[in-house]
Amino acid sequence: MRATIAGILLFTFLLPTLHAAAPVSEIGSAPTYTPSPIPVPVPVMTPPQQSAPPAGDAHYQMQMLEDEVRTLRGMVEELNNEVRQLKARQLEDYMDLDRRVSGLVSGGAPASSSSPQGVDQTSSAVESVTPAGDETAHYTNAYNQLKAGKTAEATALFKEHIALYPSGAYTANAHYWLGEIYLLQNQLEPARQAFSTIVNSYPAHRKAADATFKLGQVYHMMGDNVKAKAMLEKAAAGNDNAAKLAQRFLQQNF
């Protein structure tokens, strides 16, 4: 009897525990199991970073650019030297031609030291003043400076000669060589004035034909093709070397 009472008490004590541990489910269905969500890592998008060029490459590129600049500067300097040499050679060739033409005009004899090179020996009909010794020496000195390539000294002396001997035998020649110097230096307005002085004030001078041709060139370089063509056609109407040069210039540029 005591054992029966003890068993009842024990069963009563364990009954709530058995009810709590039993799973609750519907009849005929399997028990459901809901797993806990697993966190998924979200990738973080970062913008691509451009890698900077190595310092050595930048320095190398800079050196290459500096070398190219030095090379180009050297080429420009060489071209400038060639242009200067060509201009000097052109002036020298023209002066040599002028000397030979002067020799033919004076009777075939080459110009001597007492007779300045490039001066028309038959210009006495044009010039009313017989050249004095000082005038001849002064012009010869100016011309020799030009022949030596000292254009700055020659320019100063030719200007001085014109001021000292405004009606001298070599004044027209001084104007002409000033025009040549200005033209070679690309000083167009002073060149125009020098050549215009010969064309207008010394129309019968031996340098008038050359000055007319040069004046046409200057007007063409200044963009005044109407005056340029008029001067060139006037020069081309002759039968001397200036006429041939003017005819060729007209064919090439007009």
Protein backbone atom coordinates (compact mmCIF):
# COMPACT_ATOMS: atom_id res chain seq x y z
CA MET A 1 0.00 0.00 0.00
CA ARG A 2 2.85 2.36 0.84
CA ALA A 3 4.56 1.46 -2.42
CA THR A 4 1.41 2.37 -4.36
CA ILE A 5 1.13 5.76 -2.65
CA ALA A 6 4.81 6.48 -3.31
CA GLY A 7 4.42 5.62 -6.99
CA ILE A 8 1.39 7.91 -7.34
CA LEU A 9 3.28 10.76 -5.73
CA LEU A 10 6.29 10.20 -7.98
CA PHE A 11 4.08 10.12 -11.11
CA THR A 12 2.33 13.31 -9.99
CA PHE A 13 5.69 15.02 -9.51
CA LEU A 14 7.11 14.03 -12.92
CA LEU A 15 3.94 14.70 -14.97
CA PRO A 16 4.52 18.47 -15.62
CA THR A 17 8.07 17.76 -16.70
CA LEU A 18 6.94 15.16 -19.23
CA HIS A 19 4.32 17.56 -20.64
CA ALA A 20 6.92 20.36 -21.07
CA ALA A 21 9.45 18.17 -22.91
CA ALA A 22 6.95 16.64 -25.34
CA PRO A 23 6.90 18.36 -28.78
CA VAL A 24 3.63 19.77 -29.95
CA SER A 25 2.63 18.62 -33.43
CA GLU A 26 -0.40 17.82 -35.41
CA ILE A 27 -1.36 14.23 -35.94
CA GLY A 28 -0.10 12.83 -39.22
CA SER A 29 2.43 15.64 -39.89
CA ALA A 30 6.16 15.61 -39.31
CA PRO A 31 7.56 18.04 -36.83
CA THR A 32 8.82 21.27 -38.43
CA TYR A 33 12.27 22.74 -37.79
CA THR A 34 12.99 26.39 -38.45
CA PRO A 35 16.74 26.99 -38.71
CA SER A 36 18.26 30.27 -37.55
CA PRO A 37 19.18 32.66 -40.45
CA ILE A 38 22.90 32.57 -41.38
CA PRO A 39 24.35 36.08 -41.92
CA VAL A 40 25.68 36.54 -45.48
CA PRO A 41 28.58 39.03 -45.82
CA VAL A 42 27.84 41.88 -48.26
CA PRO A 43 30.84 42.74 -50.47
CA VAL A 44 31.99 46.34 -50.20
CA MET A 45 32.58 47.95 -53.63
CA THR A 46 35.63 50.19 -53.68
CA PRO A 47 36.55 52.30 -56.74
CA PRO A 48 39.60 51.07 -58.63
CA GLN A 49 42.69 53.04 -57.81
CA GLN A 50 44.97 54.12 -60.63
CA SER A 51 48.49 53.26 -59.88
CA ALA A 52 50.80 56.27 -60.14
CA PRO A 53 53.70 55.92 -62.57
CA PRO A 54 56.93 55.11 -60.90
CA ALA A 55 59.08 58.09 -60.10
CA GLY A 56 61.80 56.76 -62.35
CA ASP A 57 59.52 56.71 -65.42
CA ALA A 58 58.41 60.33 -64.90
CA HIS A 59 62.01 61.46 -64.58
CA TYR A 60 62.95 59.57 -67.74
CA GLN A 61 60.10 61.13 -69.70
CA MET A 62 61.13 64.58 -68.52
CA GLN A 63 64.68 63.95 -69.68
CA MET A 64 63.40 62.79 -73.07
CA LEU A 65 61.36 65.99 -73.47
CA GLU A 66 64.33 68.13 -72.50
CA ASP A 67 66.50 66.32 -75.05
CA GLU A 68 63.91 66.89 -77.77
CA VAL A 69 63.70 70.60 -76.91
CA ARG A 70 67.49 70.91 -77.07
CA THR A 71 67.52 69.13 -80.43
CA LEU A 72 64.84 71.42 -81.85
CA ARG A 73 66.66 74.50 -80.58
CA GLY A 74 69.83 73.28 -82.25
CA MET A 75 67.99 72.76 -85.54
CA VAL A 76 66.49 76.27 -85.35
CA GLU A 77 69.91 77.78 -84.66
CA GLU A 78 71.39 75.92 -87.63
CA LEU A 79 68.61 77.18 -89.88
CA ASN A 80 69.15 80.74 -88.66
CA ASN A 81 72.86 80.45 -89.41
CA GLU A 82 72.11 79.16 -92.89
CA VAL A 83 69.72 82.04 -93.52
CA ARG A 84 72.32 84.56 -92.36
CA GLN A 85 74.95 82.96 -94.57
CA LEU A 86 72.62 82.94 -97.57
CA LYS A 87 71.79 86.60 -97.06
CA ALA A 88 75.47 87.51 -96.75
CA ARG A 89 76.31 85.43 -99.84
CA GLN A 90 73.47 87.06 -101.77
CA LEU A 91 74.74 90.51 -100.93
CA GLU A 92 78.31 89.54 -101.76
CA ASP A 93 77.27 88.02 -105.11
CA TYR A 94 75.28 91.09 -106.00
CA MET A 95 78.18 93.37 -105.06
CA ASP A 96 80.47 91.26 -107.22
CA LEU A 97 78.04 91.57 -110.12
CA ASP A 98 77.87 95.30 -109.53
CA ARG A 99 81.67 95.53 -109.68
CA ARG A 100 81.82 93.60 -112.96
CA VAL A 101 79.05 95.67 -114.53
CA SER A 102 80.79 98.85 -113.41
CA GLY A 103 83.97 97.64 -115.08
CA LEU A 104 82.11 97.03 -118.35
CA VAL A 105 80.43 100.44 -118.22
CA SER A 106 83.74 102.20 -117.60
CA GLY A 107 85.32 100.59 -120.66
CA GLY A 108 86.18 97.09 -119.52
CA ALA A 109 88.70 98.03 -116.86
CA PRO A 110 87.99 96.71 -113.38
CA ALA A 111 87.29 99.25 -110.69
CA SER A 112 90.45 100.35 -108.93
CA SER A 113 90.99 101.49 -105.39
CA SER A 114 90.90 105.14 -106.51
CA SER A 115 87.50 104.57 -108.09
CA PRO A 116 84.97 103.18 -105.57
CA GLN A 117 83.48 99.87 -106.56
CA GLY A 118 79.87 99.99 -107.62
CA VAL A 119 80.03 103.62 -108.81
CA ASP A 120 78.96 104.46 -112.34
CA GLN A 121 81.92 106.18 -114.01
CA THR A 122 79.60 107.72 -116.62
CA SER A 123 77.41 109.48 -114.09
CA SER A 124 79.02 112.89 -114.65
CA ALA A 125 76.07 113.82 -116.84
CA VAL A 126 73.77 113.17 -113.93
CA GLU A 127 75.86 114.53 -111.07
CA SER A 128 76.81 118.17 -111.27
CA VAL A 129 79.58 117.99 -108.67
CA THR A 130 82.95 116.46 -109.46
CA PRO A 131 83.89 114.02 -106.69
CA ALA A 132 86.52 115.45 -104.39
CA GLY A 133 89.20 113.33 -102.80
CA ASP A 134 87.54 113.34 -99.38
CA GLU A 135 84.20 112.32 -100.84
CA THR A 136 85.74 109.44 -102.77
CA ALA A 137 87.66 108.22 -99.74
CA HIS A 138 84.60 108.47 -97.53
CA TYR A 139 82.41 106.47 -99.91
CA THR A 140 85.15 103.91 -100.49
CA ASN A 141 85.45 103.40 -96.75
CA ALA A 142 81.69 102.87 -96.40
CA TYR A 143 81.64 100.41 -99.28
CA ASN A 144 84.61 98.49 -97.91
CA GLN A 145 82.81 98.12 -94.58
CA LEU A 146 79.82 96.67 -96.41
CA LYS A 147 82.04 94.36 -98.44
CA ALA A 148 83.60 93.09 -95.20
CA GLY A 149 80.14 92.24 -93.83
CA LYS A 150 80.13 95.05 -91.28
CA THR A 151 76.63 96.21 -92.08
CA ALA A 152 76.19 98.35 -88.97
CA GLU A 153 79.36 100.35 -89.71
CA ALA A 154 78.46 100.57 -93.39
CA THR A 155 74.96 101.82 -92.60
CA ALA A 156 76.31 104.57 -90.38
CA LEU A 157 78.89 105.62 -92.97
CA PHE A 158 76.43 105.66 -95.87
CA LYS A 159 74.05 107.83 -93.85
CA GLU A 160 76.92 110.12 -92.95
CA HIS A 161 77.99 110.28 -96.59
CA ILE A 162 74.50 111.36 -97.67
CA ALA A 163 74.49 114.05 -94.99
CA LEU A 164 77.99 115.31 -95.90
CA TYR A 165 77.57 115.13 -99.69
CA PRO A 166 73.86 115.53 -100.53
CA SER A 167 74.72 116.40 -104.15
CA GLY A 168 77.81 114.26 -104.45
CA ALA A 169 78.72 111.82 -107.18
CA TYR A 170 78.16 108.79 -104.95
CA THR A 171 75.03 109.89 -103.11
CA ALA A 172 72.69 107.78 -105.23
CA ASN A 173 74.93 104.76 -104.68
CA ALA A 174 74.85 105.37 -100.93
CA HIS A 175 71.03 105.42 -101.02
CA TYR A 176 71.00 102.22 -103.04
CA TRP A 177 73.27 100.25 -100.71
CA LEU A 178 71.31 101.47 -97.72
CA GLY A 179 68.20 100.06 -99.41
CA GLU A 180 69.96 96.73 -99.98
CA ILE A 181 71.02 96.53 -96.33
CA TYR A 182 67.52 97.37 -95.09
CA LEU A 183 65.98 94.83 -97.45
CA LEU A 184 68.28 92.06 -96.25
CA GLN A 185 67.42 92.98 -92.68
CA ASN A 186 63.70 92.88 -93.55
CA GLN A 187 63.29 96.56 -92.69
CA LEU A 188 60.81 97.21 -95.45
CA GLU A 189 59.85 100.84 -94.84
CA PRO A 190 63.46 102.17 -94.71
CA ALA A 191 64.23 100.05 -97.78
CA ARG A 192 61.22 101.53 -99.59
CA GLN A 193 62.37 105.05 -98.77
CA ALA A 194 65.93 104.41 -99.96
CA PHE A 195 64.90 102.85 -103.29
CA SER A 196 62.16 105.45 -103.83
CA THR A 197 64.75 108.21 -103.44
CA ILE A 198 66.75 106.80 -106.34
CA VAL A 199 63.69 106.19 -108.55
CA ASN A 200 62.28 109.66 -107.94
CA SER A 201 65.40 111.80 -107.52
CA TYR A 202 67.91 109.98 -109.75
CA PRO A 203 65.83 108.54 -112.64
CA ALA A 204 68.79 108.68 -115.08
CA HIS A 205 71.29 107.10 -112.71
CA ARG A 206 72.71 103.67 -113.49
CA LYS A 207 71.21 102.38 -110.23
CA ALA A 208 67.71 103.54 -111.16
CA ALA A 209 66.76 100.31 -112.94
CA ASP A 210 67.99 98.14 -110.07
CA ALA A 211 66.26 100.39 -107.55
CA THR A 212 63.00 100.14 -109.51
CA PHE A 213 63.14 96.36 -109.45
CA LYS A 214 63.99 96.33 -105.72
CA LEU A 215 61.19 98.79 -105.01
CA GLY A 216 58.75 96.45 -106.73
CA GLN A 217 59.98 93.61 -104.53
CA VAL A 218 59.55 95.72 -101.41
CA TYR A 219 56.00 96.70 -102.33
CA HIS A 220 55.19 93.03 -102.96
CA MET A 221 56.57 92.09 -99.54
CA MET A 222 54.54 94.88 -97.97
CA GLY A 223 51.37 93.51 -99.59
CA ASP A 224 50.83 96.40 -102.02
CA ASN A 225 50.67 94.36 -105.22
CA VAL A 226 49.29 97.25 -107.32
CA LYS A 227 52.40 99.38 -106.79
CA ALA A 228 54.58 96.29 -106.88
CA LYS A 229 53.34 95.29 -110.33
CA ALA A 230 53.72 98.85 -111.63
CA MET A 231 57.36 99.05 -110.50
CA LEU A 232 58.18 95.56 -111.76
CA GLU A 233 56.64 96.18 -115.17
CA LYS A 234 58.59 99.43 -115.39
CA ALA A 235 61.81 97.60 -114.58
CA ALA A 236 60.97 94.72 -116.93
CA ALA A 237 60.62 97.12 -119.88
CA GLY A 238 64.39 97.62 -120.02
CA ASN A 239 67.09 95.44 -121.52
CA ASP A 240 69.48 95.11 -118.62
CA ASN A 241 69.92 92.53 -115.86
CA ALA A 242 67.27 94.23 -113.68
CA ALA A 243 64.77 93.80 -116.52
CA LYS A 244 65.37 90.06 -116.65
CA LEU A 245 65.00 89.76 -112.89
CA ALA A 246 61.79 91.78 -112.96
CA GLN A 247 60.34 89.63 -115.76
CA ARG A 248 61.09 86.47 -113.82
CA PHE A 249 59.61 87.89 -110.63
CA LEU A 250 56.42 88.87 -112.46
CA GLN A 251 56.06 85.36 -113.93
CA GLN A 252 56.53 83.73 -110.54
CA ASN A 253 54.33 86.03 -108.44
CA PHE A 254 51.68 87.57 -110.73
